[in-house]
Amino acid sequence: MTYRCFNVEIADHIAHVQLKRGAELNTMVPEFWRELPEIIRDIDANAKARVIVVSSTGKHFSGGMDLSVFTSGQSAGTAAAGSKDERGRTRANLRQGILDIQETFNVLERARMPVLIAIQGGCVGGAVDFASACDCRYATEDAFFVIQEINLGMTADVGTFPRLCHLMPEGMVKELAYAGRRLPAKKALEFGLVNEIFPTQEAMLAHVMGVAKDIAEKSPLAVHGSKVMINYARDHSTADGLDYIATWQAGMYNPEVDMRESFVAKQEKRSPEFADLLPLRKGLGAV
């Protein structure tokens, strides 16, 4: 499959999804919003990989939403010139349109495998929404993050605030949201937004691929369970999280398979070999 915005390579259980419009600052043109969820859903639903790495090309990771999205006149909820469409119904469509756009990044969070993102240069506007939906973030020393929407006269609405407030101190999120200032990579590391920073994009990507390799060698079912539990615990009380992990283990815990393989492999001084997750089945055939 050929995409306008992405290159996709899958090898050794690692899917590498790379933004490829570096000369155009990897702005998020209309195709971006269709292609990304299509790519992630395909990898997830068909169990094509055990971990996903997202990287970019060019000087900047992404300049955020492309202006063509705002100026095309096709935005959901925007009535055409001279339209007599009732305002309430038009606004209801706008709300649904925003929810549809949010789905582009929700799929990263819902994917059964971890998503690691490698950021160089500018991570602007919608790119912050993108990054905050991933499991782990890595950056070059020259990287910076900007909640650009405030500089355009609007409120960020694709996922920045619901997720960023779990990743950084609230006061700093508010300062970035209100003032539209750049957050340098060093500060992003101090505040916990990124896991680690690197002097070059090459060094960063080598490290991220190494982390991906380590993840790919673990039990895909155990990794999937860990992602589900961490995300659930983030959004619920401690008591709810403890109850849910008990329920998950009651259904998915199977020591006779993956745990047995890990013990046997250690005894035989070899790497364990785990089965991939199963492709998802939809409809009545899934039950």
C-alpha atoms as a PDB file:
ATOM      1  CA  MET A   1       0.000   0.000   0.000  1.00  0.00           C
ATOM      2  CA  THR A   2       1.301   3.451  -0.945  1.00  0.00           C
ATOM      3  CA  TYR A   3       0.443   6.414   1.260  1.00  0.00           C
ATOM      4  CA  ARG A   4       0.875  10.127   0.699  1.00  0.00           C
ATOM      5  CA  CYS A   5       2.036  10.846   4.256  1.00  0.00           C
ATOM      6  CA  PHE A   6       3.699   7.652   5.481  1.00  0.00           C
ATOM      7  CA  ASN A   7       6.152   4.893   4.743  1.00  0.00           C
ATOM      8  CA  VAL A   8       5.457   1.613   6.526  1.00  0.00           C
ATOM      9  CA  GLU A   9       7.963  -1.191   7.033  1.00  0.00           C
ATOM     10  CA  ILE A  10       7.496  -4.314   9.139  1.00  0.00           C
ATOM     11  CA  ALA A  11      10.425  -6.525  10.116  1.00  0.00           C
ATOM     12  CA  ASP A  12      11.347  -8.652  13.134  1.00  0.00           C
ATOM     13  CA  HIS A  13       7.925  -8.037  14.701  1.00  0.00           C
ATOM     14  CA  ILE A  14       8.472  -4.258  14.625  1.00  0.00           C
ATOM     15  CA  ALA A  15       6.295  -1.952  12.509  1.00  0.00           C
ATOM     16  CA  HIS A  16       8.073   1.283  11.567  1.00  0.00           C
ATOM     17  CA  VAL A  17       5.605   4.004  10.559  1.00  0.00           C
ATOM     18  CA  GLN A  18       7.476   7.028   9.220  1.00  0.00           C
ATOM     19  CA  LEU A  19       6.129  10.443   8.218  1.00  0.00           C
ATOM     20  CA  LYS A  20       7.678  11.064   4.806  1.00  0.00           C
ATOM     21  CA  ARG A  21       6.803  14.662   3.814  1.00  0.00           C
ATOM     22  CA  GLY A  22       9.831  16.244   5.468  1.00  0.00           C
ATOM     23  CA  ALA A  23      10.221  18.929   2.808  1.00  0.00           C
ATOM     24  CA  GLU A  24       6.669  20.074   3.666  1.00  0.00           C
ATOM     25  CA  LEU A  25       7.231  19.933   7.448  1.00  0.00           C
ATOM     26  CA  ASN A  26       5.099  16.782   7.615  1.00  0.00           C
ATOM     27  CA  THR A  27       2.005  18.923   8.056  1.00  0.00           C
ATOM     28  CA  MET A  28      -1.226  17.057   8.660  1.00  0.00           C
ATOM     29  CA  VAL A  29      -3.015  17.305   5.330  1.00  0.00           C
ATOM     30  CA  PRO A  30      -6.483  15.713   4.909  1.00  0.00           C
ATOM     31  CA  GLU A  31      -4.915  12.411   3.809  1.00  0.00           C
ATOM     32  CA  PHE A  32      -2.992  12.203   7.078  1.00  0.00           C
ATOM     33  CA  TRP A  33      -6.209  11.897   9.080  1.00  0.00           C
ATOM     34  CA  ARG A  34      -7.371   8.971   6.947  1.00  0.00           C
ATOM     35  CA  GLU A  35      -4.069   7.172   6.502  1.00  0.00           C
ATOM     36  CA  LEU A  36      -2.793   7.021  10.073  1.00  0.00           C
ATOM     37  CA  PRO A  37      -5.796   5.227  11.610  1.00  0.00           C
ATOM     38  CA  GLU A  38      -5.966   2.922   8.591  1.00  0.00           C
ATOM     39  CA  ILE A  39      -2.312   1.931   9.069  1.00  0.00           C
ATOM     40  CA  ILE A  40      -2.543   1.431  12.838  1.00  0.00           C
ATOM     41  CA  ARG A  41      -5.831  -0.475  12.680  1.00  0.00           C
ATOM     42  CA  ASP A  42      -4.407  -2.804  10.025  1.00  0.00           C
ATOM     43  CA  ILE A  43      -1.300  -3.576  12.089  1.00  0.00           C
ATOM     44  CA  ASP A  44      -3.376  -4.087  15.222  1.00  0.00           C
ATOM     45  CA  ALA A  45      -6.322  -6.019  13.797  1.00  0.00           C
ATOM     46  CA  ASN A  46      -4.114  -8.385  11.818  1.00  0.00           C
ATOM     47  CA  ALA A  47      -1.436  -8.735  14.520  1.00  0.00           C
ATOM     48  CA  LYS A  48       1.241  -7.746  12.027  1.00  0.00           C
ATOM     49  CA  ALA A  49       3.693  -6.550  14.686  1.00  0.00           C
ATOM     50  CA  ARG A  50       4.385  -6.667  18.416  1.00  0.00           C
ATOM     51  CA  VAL A  51       5.427  -3.030  18.709  1.00  0.00           C
ATOM     52  CA  ILE A  52       5.007   0.099  16.571  1.00  0.00           C
ATOM     53  CA  VAL A  53       7.698   2.760  16.132  1.00  0.00           C
ATOM     54  CA  VAL A  54       6.680   6.160  14.760  1.00  0.00           C
ATOM     55  CA  SER A  55       9.385   8.450  13.381  1.00  0.00           C
ATOM     56  CA  SER A  56       9.670  11.285  10.909  1.00  0.00           C
ATOM     57  CA  THR A  57      11.851  12.836   8.237  1.00  0.00           C
ATOM     58  CA  GLY A  58      13.266  16.286   7.641  1.00  0.00           C
ATOM     59  CA  LYS A  59      14.140  19.024  10.097  1.00  0.00           C
ATOM     60  CA  HIS A  60      10.891  18.845  12.065  1.00  0.00           C
ATOM     61  CA  PHE A  61       8.735  15.961  13.238  1.00  0.00           C
ATOM     62  CA  SER A  62       5.557  17.763  12.198  1.00  0.00           C
ATOM     63  CA  GLY A  63       4.312  21.310  11.776  1.00  0.00           C
ATOM     64  CA  GLY A  64       0.839  20.216  12.869  1.00  0.00           C
ATOM     65  CA  MET A  65      -2.460  20.724  11.086  1.00  0.00           C
ATOM     66  CA  ASP A  66      -2.025  21.818   7.491  1.00  0.00           C
ATOM     67  CA  LEU A  67      -3.746  25.107   6.716  1.00  0.00           C
ATOM     68  CA  SER A  68      -5.599  23.452   3.837  1.00  0.00           C
ATOM     69  CA  VAL A  69      -7.711  21.634   6.430  1.00  0.00           C
ATOM     70  CA  PHE A  70      -8.964  24.984   7.734  1.00  0.00           C
ATOM     71  CA  THR A  71      -9.318  26.775   4.392  1.00  0.00           C
ATOM     72  CA  SER A  72     -10.872  24.051   2.241  1.00  0.00           C
ATOM     73  CA  GLY A  73     -14.394  24.949   3.332  1.00  0.00           C
ATOM     74  CA  GLN A  74     -15.068  21.275   3.965  1.00  0.00           C
ATOM     75  CA  SER A  75     -14.627  21.319   7.753  1.00  0.00           C
ATOM     76  CA  ALA A  76     -17.353  19.463   9.596  1.00  0.00           C
ATOM     77  CA  GLY A  77     -19.945  21.826  11.036  1.00  0.00           C
ATOM     78  CA  THR A  78     -18.982  24.718   8.768  1.00  0.00           C
ATOM     79  CA  ALA A  79     -21.975  25.799   6.762  1.00  0.00           C
ATOM     80  CA  ALA A  80     -21.363  26.706   3.141  1.00  0.00           C
ATOM     81  CA  ALA A  81     -21.758  30.348   2.122  1.00  0.00           C
ATOM     82  CA  GLY A  82     -25.445  31.150   1.788  1.00  0.00           C
ATOM     83  CA  SER A  83     -26.478  27.905   3.469  1.00  0.00           C
ATOM     84  CA  LYS A  84     -29.783  27.907   5.336  1.00  0.00           C
ATOM     85  CA  ASP A  85     -28.834  24.931   7.495  1.00  0.00           C
ATOM     86  CA  GLU A  86     -30.071  25.349  11.054  1.00  0.00           C
ATOM     87  CA  ARG A  87     -27.271  26.428  13.413  1.00  0.00           C
ATOM     88  CA  GLY A  88     -27.852  23.808  16.120  1.00  0.00           C
ATOM     89  CA  ARG A  89     -27.706  20.947  13.632  1.00  0.00           C
ATOM     90  CA  THR A  90     -24.607  22.399  12.003  1.00  0.00           C
ATOM     91  CA  ARG A  91     -22.904  22.643  15.412  1.00  0.00           C
ATOM     92  CA  ALA A  92     -23.924  19.042  16.201  1.00  0.00           C
ATOM     93  CA  ASN A  93     -22.114  17.985  13.029  1.00  0.00           C
ATOM     94  CA  LEU A  94     -19.070  19.968  14.107  1.00  0.00           C
ATOM     95  CA  ARG A  95     -18.979  18.098  17.416  1.00  0.00           C
ATOM     96  CA  GLN A  96     -19.151  14.769  15.589  1.00  0.00           C
ATOM     97  CA  GLY A  97     -16.444  15.906  13.185  1.00  0.00           C
ATOM     98  CA  ILE A  98     -14.120  16.693  16.082  1.00  0.00           C
ATOM     99  CA  LEU A  99     -14.806  13.286  17.614  1.00  0.00           C
ATOM    100  CA  ASP A 100     -13.978  11.669  14.255  1.00  0.00           C
ATOM    101  CA  ILE A 101     -10.649  13.513  14.094  1.00  0.00           C
ATOM    102  CA  GLN A 102      -9.866  12.481  17.682  1.00  0.00           C
ATOM    103  CA  GLU A 103     -10.220   8.862  16.574  1.00  0.00           C
ATOM    104  CA  THR A 104      -7.076   9.300  14.450  1.00  0.00           C
ATOM    105  CA  PHE A 105      -4.994   9.321  17.629  1.00  0.00           C
ATOM    106  CA  ASN A 106      -7.302   7.234  19.818  1.00  0.00           C
ATOM    107  CA  VAL A 107      -6.319   4.214  17.730  1.00  0.00           C
ATOM    108  CA  LEU A 108      -2.731   4.585  18.973  1.00  0.00           C
ATOM    109  CA  GLU A 109      -3.886   4.300  22.560  1.00  0.00           C
ATOM    110  CA  ARG A 110      -6.225   1.395  21.827  1.00  0.00           C
ATOM    111  CA  ALA A 111      -3.756  -0.630  19.755  1.00  0.00           C
ATOM    112  CA  ARG A 112      -2.892  -3.877  21.492  1.00  0.00           C
ATOM    113  CA  MET A 113       0.825  -3.284  21.037  1.00  0.00           C
ATOM    114  CA  PRO A 114       2.925  -0.401  22.430  1.00  0.00           C
ATOM    115  CA  VAL A 115       3.561   2.640  20.237  1.00  0.00           C
ATOM    116  CA  LEU A 116       6.945   4.387  20.599  1.00  0.00           C
ATOM    117  CA  ILE A 117       7.436   7.806  18.992  1.00  0.00           C
ATOM    118  CA  ALA A 118      10.750   9.453  18.031  1.00  0.00           C
ATOM    119  CA  ILE A 119      10.568  13.242  17.704  1.00  0.00           C
ATOM    120  CA  GLN A 120      13.104  15.584  16.089  1.00  0.00           C
ATOM    121  CA  GLY A 121      12.799  19.348  15.739  1.00  0.00           C
ATOM    122  CA  GLY A 122       9.343  20.856  16.018  1.00  0.00           C
ATOM    123  CA  CYS A 123       6.389  18.931  17.411  1.00  0.00           C
ATOM    124  CA  VAL A 124       3.704  21.513  16.800  1.00  0.00           C
ATOM    125  CA  GLY A 125      -0.042  21.699  17.356  1.00  0.00           C
ATOM    126  CA  GLY A 126      -1.673  18.453  16.265  1.00  0.00           C
ATOM    127  CA  ALA A 127       1.697  16.725  16.560  1.00  0.00           C
ATOM    128  CA  VAL A 128       1.491  17.219  20.339  1.00  0.00           C
ATOM    129  CA  ASP A 129      -1.870  15.420  20.258  1.00  0.00           C
ATOM    130  CA  PHE A 130      -0.170  12.697  18.211  1.00  0.00           C
ATOM    131  CA  ALA A 131       2.753  12.300  20.609  1.00  0.00           C
ATOM    132  CA  SER A 132       0.647  12.359  23.766  1.00  0.00           C
ATOM    133  CA  ALA A 133      -1.410   9.381  22.513  1.00  0.00           C
ATOM    134  CA  CYS A 134       1.688   7.177  22.182  1.00  0.00           C
ATOM    135  CA  ASP A 135       3.035   4.971  24.953  1.00  0.00           C
ATOM    136  CA  CYS A 136       6.606   6.264  25.089  1.00  0.00           C
ATOM    137  CA  ARG A 137       8.127   9.464  23.711  1.00  0.00           C
ATOM    138  CA  TYR A 138      11.778  10.120  22.776  1.00  0.00           C
ATOM    139  CA  ALA A 139      13.265  13.344  21.428  1.00  0.00           C
ATOM    140  CA  THR A 140      16.388  14.930  20.029  1.00  0.00           C
ATOM    141  CA  GLU A 141      18.062  17.693  22.002  1.00  0.00           C
ATOM    142  CA  ASP A 142      16.836  20.269  19.480  1.00  0.00           C
ATOM    143  CA  ALA A 143      13.215  19.105  19.682  1.00  0.00           C
ATOM    144  CA  PHE A 144      10.487  21.363  21.030  1.00  0.00           C
ATOM    145  CA  PHE A 145       6.777  21.113  21.699  1.00  0.00           C
ATOM    146  CA  VAL A 146       4.188  23.841  21.065  1.00  0.00           C
ATOM    147  CA  ILE A 147       0.460  23.879  21.798  1.00  0.00           C
ATOM    148  CA  GLN A 148       0.065  25.953  18.671  1.00  0.00           C
ATOM    149  CA  GLU A 149      -3.716  26.164  18.693  1.00  0.00           C
ATOM    150  CA  ILE A 150      -3.728  29.071  21.149  1.00  0.00           C
ATOM    151  CA  ASN A 151      -1.508  31.030  18.737  1.00  0.00           C
ATOM    152  CA  LEU A 152      -4.182  30.536  16.073  1.00  0.00           C
ATOM    153  CA  GLY A 153      -7.026  31.711  18.280  1.00  0.00           C
ATOM    154  CA  MET A 154      -8.516  28.344  19.163  1.00  0.00           C
ATOM    155  CA  THR A 155      -8.497  25.715  21.909  1.00  0.00           C
ATOM    156  CA  ALA A 156      -6.650  22.438  21.287  1.00  0.00           C
ATOM    157  CA  ASP A 157      -9.319  19.778  20.800  1.00  0.00           C
ATOM    158  CA  VAL A 158      -7.804  16.572  19.407  1.00  0.00           C
ATOM    159  CA  GLY A 159      -6.439  15.088  22.648  1.00  0.00           C
ATOM    160  CA  THR A 160      -3.722  17.357  24.039  1.00  0.00           C
ATOM    161  CA  PHE A 161      -5.391  18.288  27.333  1.00  0.00           C
ATOM    162  CA  PRO A 162      -7.025  14.978  28.337  1.00  0.00           C
ATOM    163  CA  ARG A 163      -3.680  13.198  27.903  1.00  0.00           C
ATOM    164  CA  LEU A 164      -1.060  15.851  28.613  1.00  0.00           C
ATOM    165  CA  CYS A 165      -2.482  16.481  32.081  1.00  0.00           C
ATOM    166  CA  HIS A 166      -1.583  12.877  32.953  1.00  0.00           C
ATOM    167  CA  LEU A 167       1.951  13.268  31.613  1.00  0.00           C
ATOM    168  CA  MET A 168       3.100  16.657  32.971  1.00  0.00           C
ATOM    169  CA  PRO A 169       2.486  18.965  35.940  1.00  0.00           C
ATOM    170  CA  GLU A 170      -0.832  20.761  35.491  1.00  0.00           C
ATOM    171  CA  GLY A 171       0.687  24.206  35.956  1.00  0.00           C
ATOM    172  CA  MET A 172       3.117  23.701  33.098  1.00  0.00           C
ATOM    173  CA  VAL A 173       0.370  22.366  30.829  1.00  0.00           C
ATOM    174  CA  LYS A 174      -1.615  25.510  31.564  1.00  0.00           C
ATOM    175  CA  GLU A 175       1.342  27.798  30.861  1.00  0.00           C
ATOM    176  CA  LEU A 176       1.961  26.115  27.510  1.00  0.00           C
ATOM    177  CA  ALA A 177      -1.753  26.159  26.671  1.00  0.00           C
ATOM    178  CA  TYR A 178      -2.320  29.792  27.591  1.00  0.00           C
ATOM    179  CA  ALA A 179       0.918  31.353  26.298  1.00  0.00           C
ATOM    180  CA  GLY A 180       1.699  29.186  23.263  1.00  0.00           C
ATOM    181  CA  ARG A 181       5.373  29.016  24.230  1.00  0.00           C
ATOM    182  CA  ARG A 182       7.850  26.380  23.111  1.00  0.00           C
ATOM    183  CA  LEU A 183       8.738  23.586  25.533  1.00  0.00           C
ATOM    184  CA  PRO A 184      12.370  22.580  24.803  1.00  0.00           C
ATOM    185  CA  ALA A 185      13.332  18.904  24.879  1.00  0.00           C
ATOM    186  CA  LYS A 186      15.413  19.338  28.046  1.00  0.00           C
ATOM    187  CA  LYS A 187      12.415  20.739  29.924  1.00  0.00           C
ATOM    188  CA  ALA A 188      10.159  18.068  28.425  1.00  0.00           C
ATOM    189  CA  LEU A 189      12.513  15.468  29.897  1.00  0.00           C
ATOM    190  CA  GLU A 190      12.493  17.174  33.305  1.00  0.00           C
ATOM    191  CA  PHE A 191       8.699  17.255  33.354  1.00  0.00           C
ATOM    192  CA  GLY A 192       8.373  13.618  32.257  1.00  0.00           C
ATOM    193  CA  LEU A 193       6.852  14.220  28.837  1.00  0.00           C
ATOM    194  CA  VAL A 194       9.694  12.354  27.102  1.00  0.00           C
ATOM    195  CA  ASN A 195      11.607   9.303  28.287  1.00  0.00           C
ATOM    196  CA  GLU A 196      15.017  10.356  27.026  1.00  0.00           C
ATOM    197  CA  ILE A 197      16.713  12.890  24.741  1.00  0.00           C
ATOM    198  CA  PHE A 198      19.542  12.346  22.229  1.00  0.00           C
ATOM    199  CA  PRO A 199      22.119  14.484  20.414  1.00  0.00           C
ATOM    200  CA  THR A 200      21.052  13.294  16.942  1.00  0.00           C
ATOM    201  CA  GLN A 201      18.080  11.769  15.213  1.00  0.00           C
ATOM    202  CA  GLU A 202      20.185   8.760  14.267  1.00  0.00           C
ATOM    203  CA  ALA A 203      21.147   8.080  17.886  1.00  0.00           C
ATOM    204  CA  MET A 204      17.535   8.505  18.959  1.00  0.00           C
ATOM    205  CA  LEU A 205      16.158   6.114  16.373  1.00  0.00           C
ATOM    206  CA  ALA A 206      18.839   3.519  17.160  1.00  0.00           C
ATOM    207  CA  HIS A 207      17.833   3.647  20.816  1.00  0.00           C
ATOM    208  CA  VAL A 208      14.101   3.494  20.086  1.00  0.00           C
ATOM    209  CA  MET A 209      14.573   0.515  17.792  1.00  0.00           C
ATOM    210  CA  GLY A 210      16.550  -1.155  20.582  1.00  0.00           C
ATOM    211  CA  VAL A 211      13.674  -0.608  23.005  1.00  0.00           C
ATOM    212  CA  ALA A 212      11.270  -1.938  20.364  1.00  0.00           C
ATOM    213  CA  LYS A 213      13.434  -5.039  19.931  1.00  0.00           C
ATOM    214  CA  ASP A 214      13.333  -5.702  23.678  1.00  0.00           C
ATOM    215  CA  ILE A 215       9.543  -5.352  23.688  1.00  0.00           C
ATOM    216  CA  ALA A 216       9.178  -7.614  20.643  1.00  0.00           C
ATOM    217  CA  GLU A 217      11.048 -10.384  22.465  1.00  0.00           C
ATOM    218  CA  LYS A 218       8.528 -10.437  25.331  1.00  0.00           C
ATOM    219  CA  SER A 219       5.201 -12.256  25.438  1.00  0.00           C
ATOM    220  CA  PRO A 220       2.826 -10.227  23.215  1.00  0.00           C
ATOM    221  CA  LEU A 221      -0.095 -11.210  25.444  1.00  0.00           C
ATOM    222  CA  ALA A 222       1.698 -10.037  28.593  1.00  0.00           C
ATOM    223  CA  VAL A 223       2.693  -6.759  26.913  1.00  0.00           C
ATOM    224  CA  HIS A 224      -0.870  -6.243  25.713  1.00  0.00           C
ATOM    225  CA  GLY A 225      -2.175  -6.858  29.224  1.00  0.00           C
ATOM    226  CA  SER A 226       0.348  -4.419  30.677  1.00  0.00           C
ATOM    227  CA  LYS A 227      -0.752  -1.668  28.253  1.00  0.00           C
ATOM    228  CA  VAL A 228      -4.404  -2.254  29.043  1.00  0.00           C
ATOM    229  CA  MET A 229      -3.764  -2.161  32.787  1.00  0.00           C
ATOM    230  CA  ILE A 230      -1.563   0.961  32.740  1.00  0.00           C
ATOM    231  CA  ASN A 231      -4.095   2.918  30.671  1.00  0.00           C
ATOM    232  CA  TYR A 232      -6.961   1.694  32.849  1.00  0.00           C
ATOM    233  CA  ALA A 233      -5.145   2.590  36.066  1.00  0.00           C
ATOM    234  CA  ARG A 234      -4.480   6.081  34.722  1.00  0.00           C
ATOM    235  CA  ASP A 235      -8.194   6.721  34.256  1.00  0.00           C
ATOM    236  CA  HIS A 236      -9.566   4.965  37.361  1.00  0.00           C
ATOM    237  CA  SER A 237      -9.097   4.692  41.103  1.00  0.00           C
ATOM    238  CA  THR A 238      -6.560   2.334  42.672  1.00  0.00           C
ATOM    239  CA  ALA A 239      -9.394   0.088  43.840  1.00  0.00           C
ATOM    240  CA  ASP A 240     -10.858  -0.074  40.336  1.00  0.00           C
ATOM    241  CA  GLY A 241      -7.441  -0.864  38.874  1.00  0.00           C
ATOM    242  CA  LEU A 242      -6.832  -3.695  41.341  1.00  0.00           C
ATOM    243  CA  ASP A 243     -10.258  -5.155  40.626  1.00  0.00           C
ATOM    244  CA  TYR A 244      -9.753  -4.984  36.856  1.00  0.00           C
ATOM    245  CA  ILE A 245      -6.324  -6.630  36.899  1.00  0.00           C
ATOM    246  CA  ALA A 246      -7.818  -9.473  38.936  1.00  0.00           C
ATOM    247  CA  THR A 247     -10.525  -9.895  36.299  1.00  0.00           C
ATOM    248  CA  TRP A 248      -8.001  -9.685  33.457  1.00  0.00           C
ATOM    249  CA  GLN A 249      -5.746 -12.311  35.019  1.00  0.00           C
ATOM    250  CA  ALA A 250      -8.698 -14.602  35.660  1.00  0.00           C
ATOM    251  CA  GLY A 251      -9.411 -14.570  31.948  1.00  0.00           C
ATOM    252  CA  MET A 252      -6.035 -14.183  30.225  1.00  0.00           C
ATOM    253  CA  TYR A 253      -3.421 -15.580  32.631  1.00  0.00           C
ATOM    254  CA  ASN A 254      -2.125 -18.914  31.305  1.00  0.00           C
ATOM    255  CA  PRO A 255       1.080 -20.078  33.023  1.00  0.00           C
ATOM    256  CA  GLU A 256       1.127 -23.306  31.008  1.00  0.00           C
ATOM    257  CA  VAL A 257       2.021 -21.431  27.826  1.00  0.00           C
ATOM    258  CA  ASP A 258       4.058 -18.211  27.958  1.00  0.00           C
ATOM    259  CA  MET A 259       5.369 -18.542  31.506  1.00  0.00           C
ATOM    260  CA  ARG A 260       6.336 -22.141  30.922  1.00  0.00           C
ATOM    261  CA  GLU A 261       8.157 -21.136  27.739  1.00  0.00           C
ATOM    262  CA  SER A 262      10.082 -18.399  29.548  1.00  0.00           C
ATOM    263  CA  PHE A 263      11.221 -20.832  32.280  1.00  0.00           C
ATOM    264  CA  VAL A 264      12.153 -23.570  29.818  1.00  0.00           C
ATOM    265  CA  ALA A 265      14.052 -21.113  27.624  1.00  0.00           C
ATOM    266  CA  LYS A 266      16.042 -19.903  30.621  1.00  0.00           C
ATOM    267  CA  GLN A 267      16.913 -23.460  31.585  1.00  0.00           C
ATOM    268  CA  GLU A 268      17.969 -24.231  28.011  1.00  0.00           C
ATOM    269  CA  LYS A 269      19.902 -20.945  27.783  1.00  0.00           C
ATOM    270  CA  ARG A 270      18.019 -19.684  24.739  1.00  0.00           C
ATOM    271  CA  SER A 271      15.646 -16.860  23.902  1.00  0.00           C
ATOM    272  CA  PRO A 272      11.978 -17.689  24.524  1.00  0.00           C
ATOM    273  CA  GLU A 273       9.686 -18.035  21.531  1.00  0.00           C
ATOM    274  CA  PHE A 274       6.217 -16.637  22.066  1.00  0.00           C
ATOM    275  CA  ALA A 275       3.194 -16.802  19.789  1.00  0.00           C
ATOM    276  CA  ASP A 276       1.906 -13.573  18.261  1.00  0.00           C
ATOM    277  CA  LEU A 277      -1.457 -12.153  19.229  1.00  0.00           C
ATOM    278  CA  LEU A 278      -4.316 -13.509  17.146  1.00  0.00           C
ATOM    279  CA  PRO A 279      -5.830 -11.383  14.374  1.00  0.00           C
ATOM    280  CA  LEU A 280      -9.067  -9.791  15.474  1.00  0.00           C
ATOM    281  CA  ARG A 281     -12.324 -11.267  14.189  1.00  0.00           C
ATOM    282  CA  LYS A 282     -15.325  -9.010  13.757  1.00  0.00           C
ATOM    283  CA  GLY A 283     -19.016  -9.641  13.653  1.00  0.00           C
ATOM    284  CA  LEU A 284     -20.855 -12.735  14.807  1.00  0.00           C
ATOM    285  CA  GLY A 285     -17.842 -14.922  14.020  1.00  0.00           C
ATOM    286  CA  ALA A 286     -15.900 -13.228  16.792  1.00  0.00           C
ATOM    287  CA  VAL A 287     -17.954 -14.812  19.603  1.00  0.00           C
END
